[in-house]
Protein backbone atom coordinates (compact mmCIF):
# COMPACT_ATOMS: atom_id res chain seq x y z
CA UNK A 1 -68.55 102.43 -141.05
CA UNK A 2 -64.90 102.60 -142.08
CA UNK A 3 -62.88 99.64 -143.37
CA UNK A 4 -60.68 99.53 -140.25
CA UNK A 5 -63.66 99.07 -137.92
CA UNK A 6 -65.14 96.43 -140.22
CA UNK A 7 -61.83 94.54 -140.16
CA UNK A 8 -61.71 94.68 -136.35
CA UNK A 9 -65.26 93.33 -136.11
CA UNK A 10 -64.45 90.55 -138.58
CA UNK A 11 -61.30 89.65 -136.62
CA UNK A 12 -63.19 89.52 -133.31
CA UNK A 13 -66.00 87.52 -134.94
CA UNK A 14 -63.50 85.06 -136.42
CA UNK A 15 -61.84 84.66 -133.02
CA UNK A 16 -65.20 83.87 -131.40
CA UNK A 17 -66.00 81.43 -134.21
CA UNK A 18 -62.68 79.75 -133.48
CA UNK A 19 -63.60 79.54 -129.79
CA UNK A 20 -66.87 77.85 -130.72
CA UNK A 21 -65.13 75.30 -132.95
CA UNK A 22 -62.49 74.82 -130.27
CA UNK A 23 -65.28 74.04 -127.82
CA UNK A 24 -66.95 71.28 -129.82
CA UNK A 25 -63.58 69.99 -131.02
CA UNK A 26 -61.99 69.90 -127.56
CA UNK A 27 -65.03 69.04 -125.44
CA UNK A 28 -63.61 65.52 -125.52
CA UNK A 29 -60.65 66.72 -123.47
CA UNK A 30 -62.77 67.29 -120.42
CA UNK A 31 -65.41 64.60 -120.56
CA UNK A 32 -64.50 61.72 -122.90
CA UNK A 33 -63.15 59.58 -120.06
CA UNK A 34 -66.13 60.28 -117.80
CA UNK A 35 -68.59 59.35 -120.55
CA UNK A 36 -66.64 56.23 -121.50
CA UNK A 37 -66.57 54.95 -117.91
CA UNK A 38 -70.26 55.92 -117.43
CA UNK A 39 -69.35 58.19 -114.56
CA UNK A 40 -71.50 60.90 -116.15
CA UNK A 41 -74.28 60.94 -118.72
CA UNK A 42 -73.22 62.61 -121.98
CA UNK A 43 -75.33 65.76 -121.73
CA UNK A 44 -74.63 66.14 -118.02
CA UNK A 45 -70.91 65.85 -118.72
CA UNK A 46 -71.09 68.40 -121.55
CA UNK A 47 -73.05 70.87 -119.42
CA UNK A 48 -70.52 70.53 -116.62
CA UNK A 49 -67.67 70.98 -119.10
CA UNK A 50 -69.30 74.13 -120.49
CA UNK A 51 -69.62 75.63 -117.01
CA UNK A 52 -66.03 74.68 -116.21
CA UNK A 53 -64.83 76.30 -119.44
CA UNK A 54 -66.69 79.47 -118.51
CA UNK A 55 -65.13 79.60 -115.03
CA UNK A 56 -61.66 78.72 -116.29
CA UNK A 57 -61.65 81.57 -118.80
CA UNK A 58 -61.44 84.09 -115.97
CA UNK A 59 -58.27 82.43 -114.65
CA UNK A 60 -56.33 82.37 -117.92
CA UNK A 61 -55.14 85.97 -118.18
CA UNK A 62 -51.44 85.10 -118.30
CA UNK A 63 -51.90 82.76 -121.26
CA UNK A 64 -53.96 85.42 -123.07
CA UNK A 65 -51.16 87.97 -122.60
CA UNK A 66 -48.60 85.51 -124.01
CA UNK A 67 -50.71 84.97 -127.14
CA UNK A 68 -51.42 88.68 -127.63
CA UNK A 69 -47.97 90.08 -126.88
CA UNK A 70 -45.36 87.32 -126.85
CA UNK A 71 -45.55 85.36 -130.12
CA UNK A 72 -45.90 87.80 -133.02
CA UNK A 73 -45.28 91.50 -133.59
CA UNK A 74 -47.88 92.95 -135.94
CA UNK A 75 -48.08 96.43 -137.42
CA UNK A 76 -50.88 98.68 -136.20
CA UNK A 77 -53.33 99.17 -139.05
CA UNK A 78 -55.09 97.25 -141.78
CA UNK A 79 -52.26 94.83 -142.59
CA UNK A 80 -52.10 93.68 -138.97
CA UNK A 81 -55.84 93.05 -138.96
CA UNK A 82 -55.65 91.11 -142.24
CA UNK A 83 -52.97 88.88 -140.69
CA UNK A 84 -55.17 88.19 -137.65
CA UNK A 85 -58.25 87.34 -139.75
CA UNK A 86 -56.28 85.12 -142.16
CA UNK A 87 -54.55 83.26 -139.34
CA UNK A 88 -57.75 82.57 -137.43
CA UNK A 89 -59.67 81.43 -140.53
CA UNK A 90 -56.76 79.16 -141.47
CA UNK A 91 -56.85 77.51 -138.06
CA UNK A 92 -60.62 77.03 -138.23
CA UNK A 93 -60.23 75.24 -141.56
CA UNK A 94 -57.72 72.76 -140.17
CA UNK A 95 -59.85 72.22 -137.06
CA UNK A 96 -62.79 71.15 -139.22
CA UNK A 97 -60.64 68.71 -141.18
CA UNK A 98 -59.35 67.12 -137.97
CA UNK A 99 -62.84 66.98 -136.45
CA UNK A 100 -64.20 65.24 -139.56
CA UNK A 101 -61.62 62.47 -139.25
CA UNK A 102 -61.93 62.25 -135.45
CA UNK A 103 -58.33 63.33 -134.81
CA UNK A 104 -57.85 64.85 -131.33
CA UNK A 105 -55.42 67.55 -132.48
CA UNK A 106 -54.60 70.70 -130.58
CA UNK A 107 -57.08 73.35 -131.73
CA UNK A 108 -55.03 75.97 -129.93
CA UNK A 109 -51.80 75.00 -131.71
CA UNK A 110 -53.78 75.19 -134.93
CA UNK A 111 -54.61 78.79 -133.97
CA UNK A 112 -50.99 79.67 -133.21
CA UNK A 113 -49.82 78.01 -136.42
CA UNK A 114 -52.38 79.90 -138.51
CA UNK A 115 -51.34 83.23 -137.01
CA UNK A 116 -47.63 82.45 -137.52
CA UNK A 117 -48.16 81.50 -141.18
CA UNK A 118 -50.20 84.62 -141.95
CA UNK A 119 -47.63 86.75 -140.12
CA UNK A 120 -44.79 85.44 -142.27
CA UNK A 121 -46.47 86.11 -145.63
CA UNK A 122 -47.85 89.41 -144.35
CA UNK A 123 -44.34 90.76 -143.82
CA UNK A 124 -44.65 91.08 -140.04
CA UNK A 125 -42.45 89.59 -137.32
CA UNK A 126 -42.75 86.18 -135.70
CA UNK A 127 -41.10 86.24 -132.27
CA UNK A 128 -39.30 82.92 -132.60
CA UNK A 129 -37.86 83.12 -129.09
CA UNK A 130 -41.36 83.37 -127.65
CA UNK A 131 -42.62 80.51 -129.82
CA UNK A 132 -39.69 78.35 -128.72
CA UNK A 133 -39.88 78.99 -124.98
CA UNK A 134 -43.65 79.45 -124.58
CA UNK A 135 -45.01 77.03 -127.20
CA UNK A 136 -42.49 74.59 -128.70
CA UNK A 137 -40.74 73.45 -125.51
CA UNK A 138 -43.95 73.06 -123.46
CA UNK A 139 -45.47 71.20 -126.44
CA UNK A 140 -42.60 68.71 -126.41
CA UNK A 141 -42.27 68.38 -122.64
CA UNK A 142 -45.90 68.39 -121.43
CA UNK A 143 -47.02 65.16 -123.22
CA UNK A 144 -43.98 63.36 -121.80
CA UNK A 145 -44.88 64.64 -118.35
CA UNK A 146 -48.51 63.60 -118.87
CA UNK A 147 -47.50 60.10 -119.96
CA UNK A 148 -45.01 59.58 -117.12
CA UNK A 149 -47.28 60.99 -114.43
CA UNK A 150 -50.28 59.05 -115.75
CA UNK A 151 -48.26 55.84 -115.51
CA UNK A 152 -47.01 56.69 -111.99
CA UNK A 153 -50.41 57.76 -110.63
CA UNK A 154 -52.09 54.64 -112.03
CA UNK A 155 -49.46 52.41 -110.39
CA UNK A 156 -50.07 54.25 -107.11
CA UNK A 157 -53.84 53.74 -107.45
CA UNK A 158 -53.35 50.02 -108.08
CA UNK A 159 -51.09 49.71 -105.03
CA UNK A 160 -53.22 51.79 -102.64
CA UNK A 161 -56.45 49.99 -103.54
CA UNK A 162 -54.99 46.54 -104.22
CA UNK A 163 -57.18 44.91 -101.59
CA UNK A 164 -60.41 46.64 -102.57
CA UNK A 165 -63.40 45.00 -104.22
CA UNK A 166 -63.54 45.92 -107.96
CA UNK A 167 -67.27 46.70 -107.98
CA UNK A 168 -67.00 48.98 -104.95
CA UNK A 169 -63.87 50.68 -106.30
CA UNK A 170 -65.52 51.33 -109.65
CA UNK A 171 -68.49 53.01 -107.94
CA UNK A 172 -66.17 55.14 -105.83
CA UNK A 173 -64.02 56.23 -108.74
CA UNK A 174 -67.08 57.08 -110.82
CA UNK A 175 -68.02 59.60 -108.12
CA UNK A 176 -64.43 60.84 -107.96
CA UNK A 177 -64.44 61.37 -111.72
CA UNK A 178 -67.08 64.06 -111.30
CA UNK A 179 -64.43 66.13 -109.50
CA UNK A 180 -61.54 65.27 -111.81
CA UNK A 181 -63.62 65.96 -114.94
CA UNK A 182 -64.71 69.32 -113.50
CA UNK A 183 -61.06 70.22 -112.84
CA UNK A 184 -60.22 69.21 -116.40
CA UNK A 185 -63.00 71.45 -117.74
CA UNK A 186 -61.72 74.43 -115.75
CA UNK A 187 -58.20 73.75 -117.01
CA UNK A 188 -59.48 73.65 -120.59
CA UNK A 189 -61.13 77.04 -120.10
CA UNK A 190 -57.97 78.48 -118.54
CA UNK A 191 -55.97 77.49 -121.61
CA UNK A 192 -58.25 77.58 -124.64
CA UNK A 193 -60.58 80.47 -123.83
CA UNK A 194 -57.44 82.43 -122.95
CA UNK A 195 -56.00 81.91 -126.44
CA UNK A 196 -59.16 83.34 -127.99
CA UNK A 197 -58.95 86.26 -125.59
CA UNK A 198 -55.37 86.87 -126.69
CA UNK A 199 -56.40 87.00 -130.36
CA UNK A 200 -59.22 89.45 -129.63
CA UNK A 201 -56.86 91.70 -127.67
CA UNK A 202 -54.33 91.50 -130.51
CA UNK A 203 -57.01 92.54 -133.02
CA UNK A 204 -58.11 95.47 -130.85
CA UNK A 205 -54.50 96.59 -130.45
CA UNK A 206 -53.50 96.47 -134.13
CA UNK A 207 -56.86 98.02 -135.02
CA UNK A 208 -56.05 101.00 -132.80
CA UNK A 209 -58.83 100.43 -130.29
CA UNK A 210 -56.57 99.97 -127.29
CA UNK A 211 -53.07 101.14 -126.46
CA UNK A 212 -51.67 97.92 -125.02
CA UNK A 213 -51.60 94.32 -126.22
CA UNK A 214 -51.64 93.07 -122.64
CA UNK A 215 -54.82 94.74 -121.32
CA UNK A 216 -57.94 92.54 -121.29
CA UNK A 217 -61.36 94.19 -120.93
CA UNK A 218 -64.09 92.40 -119.02
CA UNK A 219 -66.23 91.85 -122.12
CA UNK A 220 -63.37 89.93 -123.78
CA UNK A 221 -63.39 87.41 -120.92
CA UNK A 222 -67.16 87.11 -121.16
CA UNK A 223 -67.34 86.74 -124.96
CA UNK A 224 -64.54 84.17 -125.23
CA UNK A 225 -65.89 82.14 -122.31
CA UNK A 226 -69.43 82.14 -123.72
CA UNK A 227 -68.30 81.08 -127.22
CA UNK A 228 -66.12 78.26 -125.86
CA UNK A 229 -68.81 77.07 -123.46
CA UNK A 230 -71.48 77.08 -126.20
CA UNK A 231 -69.23 75.08 -128.52
CA UNK A 232 -68.40 72.65 -125.75
CA UNK A 233 -72.07 71.99 -125.08
CA UNK A 234 -72.57 71.00 -128.73
CA UNK A 235 -70.15 68.11 -128.18
CA UNK A 236 -67.48 66.82 -130.54
CA UNK A 237 -68.74 63.24 -130.57
CA UNK A 238 -66.28 61.93 -133.16
CA UNK A 239 -63.31 62.90 -131.00
CA UNK A 240 -65.02 61.84 -127.78
CA UNK A 241 -65.21 58.32 -129.25
CA UNK A 242 -61.50 58.39 -130.17
CA UNK A 243 -60.32 59.49 -126.73
CA UNK A 244 -62.83 57.53 -124.69
CA UNK A 245 -62.86 54.19 -126.53
CA UNK A 246 -60.22 53.78 -129.21
CA UNK A 247 -56.93 54.36 -127.34
CA UNK A 248 -57.50 52.08 -124.33
CA UNK A 249 -60.42 50.33 -122.62
CA UNK A 250 -61.09 52.86 -119.89
CA UNK A 251 -62.42 51.99 -116.44
CA UNK A 252 -63.26 54.50 -113.68
CA UNK A 253 -59.90 54.29 -111.82
CA UNK A 254 -58.02 54.88 -115.08
CA UNK A 255 -60.30 57.75 -116.08
CA UNK A 256 -59.83 59.40 -112.70
CA UNK A 257 -56.03 59.04 -112.87
CA UNK A 258 -55.81 60.46 -116.40
CA UNK A 259 -58.05 63.44 -115.65
CA UNK A 260 -56.26 64.23 -112.39
CA UNK A 261 -52.84 64.24 -114.03
CA UNK A 262 -53.98 66.26 -117.05
CA UNK A 263 -55.75 68.93 -115.01
CA UNK A 264 -52.72 69.34 -112.71
CA UNK A 265 -50.40 69.88 -115.70
CA UNK A 266 -52.83 72.42 -117.18
CA UNK A 267 -53.09 74.39 -113.94
CA UNK A 268 -49.30 74.61 -113.53
CA UNK A 269 -48.67 75.75 -117.10
CA UNK A 270 -51.46 78.32 -116.97
CA UNK A 271 -49.83 79.95 -113.96
CA UNK A 272 -46.59 80.50 -115.91
CA UNK A 273 -48.41 81.70 -119.02
CA UNK A 274 -47.48 78.74 -121.26
CA UNK A 275 -50.18 78.10 -123.92
CA UNK A 276 -50.02 74.31 -123.95
CA UNK A 277 -52.42 71.87 -125.58
CA UNK A 278 -55.21 70.37 -123.48
CA UNK A 279 -55.56 67.69 -126.15
CA UNK A 280 -51.92 66.62 -125.91
CA UNK A 281 -52.10 66.44 -122.13
CA UNK A 282 -55.24 64.35 -121.73
CA UNK A 283 -54.29 62.02 -124.60
CA UNK A 284 -50.77 61.40 -123.30
CA UNK A 285 -52.14 60.89 -119.77
CA UNK A 286 -54.58 58.27 -121.10
CA UNK A 287 -51.71 56.53 -122.88
CA UNK A 288 -49.60 56.58 -119.70
CA UNK A 289 -52.44 55.19 -117.60
CA UNK A 290 -53.12 52.48 -120.18
CA UNK A 291 -49.47 51.47 -120.36
CA UNK A 292 -49.67 50.07 -116.84
CA UNK A 293 -51.67 47.20 -118.33
CA UNK A 294 -48.83 46.11 -120.61
CA UNK A 295 -47.82 47.00 -124.14
CA UNK A 296 -51.01 45.55 -125.64
CA UNK A 297 -53.30 47.56 -123.40
CA UNK A 298 -52.78 50.66 -125.56
CA UNK A 299 -53.81 50.60 -129.20
CA UNK A 300 -50.54 51.99 -130.49
CA UNK A 301 -51.77 52.17 -134.09
CA UNK A 302 -54.41 54.71 -133.03
CA UNK A 303 -51.82 56.47 -130.87
CA UNK A 304 -49.42 56.81 -133.81
CA UNK A 305 -52.15 58.34 -135.97
CA UNK A 306 -52.91 60.86 -133.23
CA UNK A 307 -49.25 61.81 -132.77
CA UNK A 308 -48.84 62.29 -136.52
CA UNK A 309 -51.84 64.65 -136.47
CA UNK A 310 -50.15 66.55 -133.63
CA UNK A 311 -46.95 66.92 -135.64
CA UNK A 312 -48.80 68.09 -138.75
CA UNK A 313 -51.05 70.59 -136.95
CA UNK A 314 -48.75 73.59 -136.58
CA UNK A 315 -47.17 73.54 -140.09
CA UNK A 316 -50.46 72.66 -141.82
CA UNK A 317 -52.38 75.42 -140.05
CA UNK A 318 -49.49 77.80 -140.81
CA UNK A 319 -49.73 76.92 -144.50
CA UNK A 320 -53.51 77.42 -144.57
CA UNK A 321 -53.17 80.71 -142.67
CA UNK A 322 -50.53 81.88 -145.15
CA UNK A 323 -52.75 81.00 -148.11
CA UNK A 324 -55.75 82.73 -146.52
CA UNK A 325 -53.77 85.97 -146.31
CA UNK A 326 -54.07 86.61 -150.05
CA UNK A 327 -57.87 86.50 -150.49
CA UNK A 328 -58.39 88.39 -147.21
CA UNK A 329 -55.92 91.04 -148.34
CA UNK A 330 -57.80 91.32 -151.66
CA UNK A 331 -61.15 91.71 -149.88
CA UNK A 332 -59.93 94.52 -147.63
């Protein structure tokens, strides 16, 4: 077995490992609110999220093409493969740090940061225009949209159901959360499985095993979806507690509003191929929903810690990816 094939297999394996860690890290995105409001039992919610991730992966082709062909330009050959492996391993390292502390960071932005950092030290080209238009701008805009829409939808829910009995409304919204959580799980698969697919395609392209960085074979969909779904079913309980209990005191109407807004934003951005963060969207939607209860309804100290972790994710993962390039280069 030649070194090039070994490097391709390592790159694909690292991408699937990332998808697994992404799953248990970001499982909170889909089901934290449903568990917190007792709309779903934990294992039922995780199983539903895993299935939704699997289904969503098959709808995320445009995002995968953006990751594979629109953010970096890597040389075909061993150096390109080393960059992919180093970038993915760097992002996995940062994901584990964030998981340990219960920070709901963007695992996908960690991936993009790791790849960018390894690309820079590897002497390849970062497509800054693509990063700006497809990553940076959506990253800045989408949380603002999530916050504003979460606030607006929650106000609408309060107004529409202002005469309803609280106990009856809570039961109804718990049932509704089954649908909104399922939509959130599909949206997570559309975004985060797609990013893994993009990395696998990139590795196959620079390894010389396919002629285009935009073609996605059926097995790539299947492998990325399975890895993400398996990781999701393991459950990232530390982050589930942060999203479901520490930001606001969630009730079923609030959980439904946050999930509905977040899933809608994910679906729209997936259609235009923008690799946005599911974590940013659901967290900002929860903050927006909670803000309808007044400034003390949101625990802004927790929110500030989360936002700082968001800001640090891309540069920190880029640094780790850059540092990983040297030992990986020595190994190969």
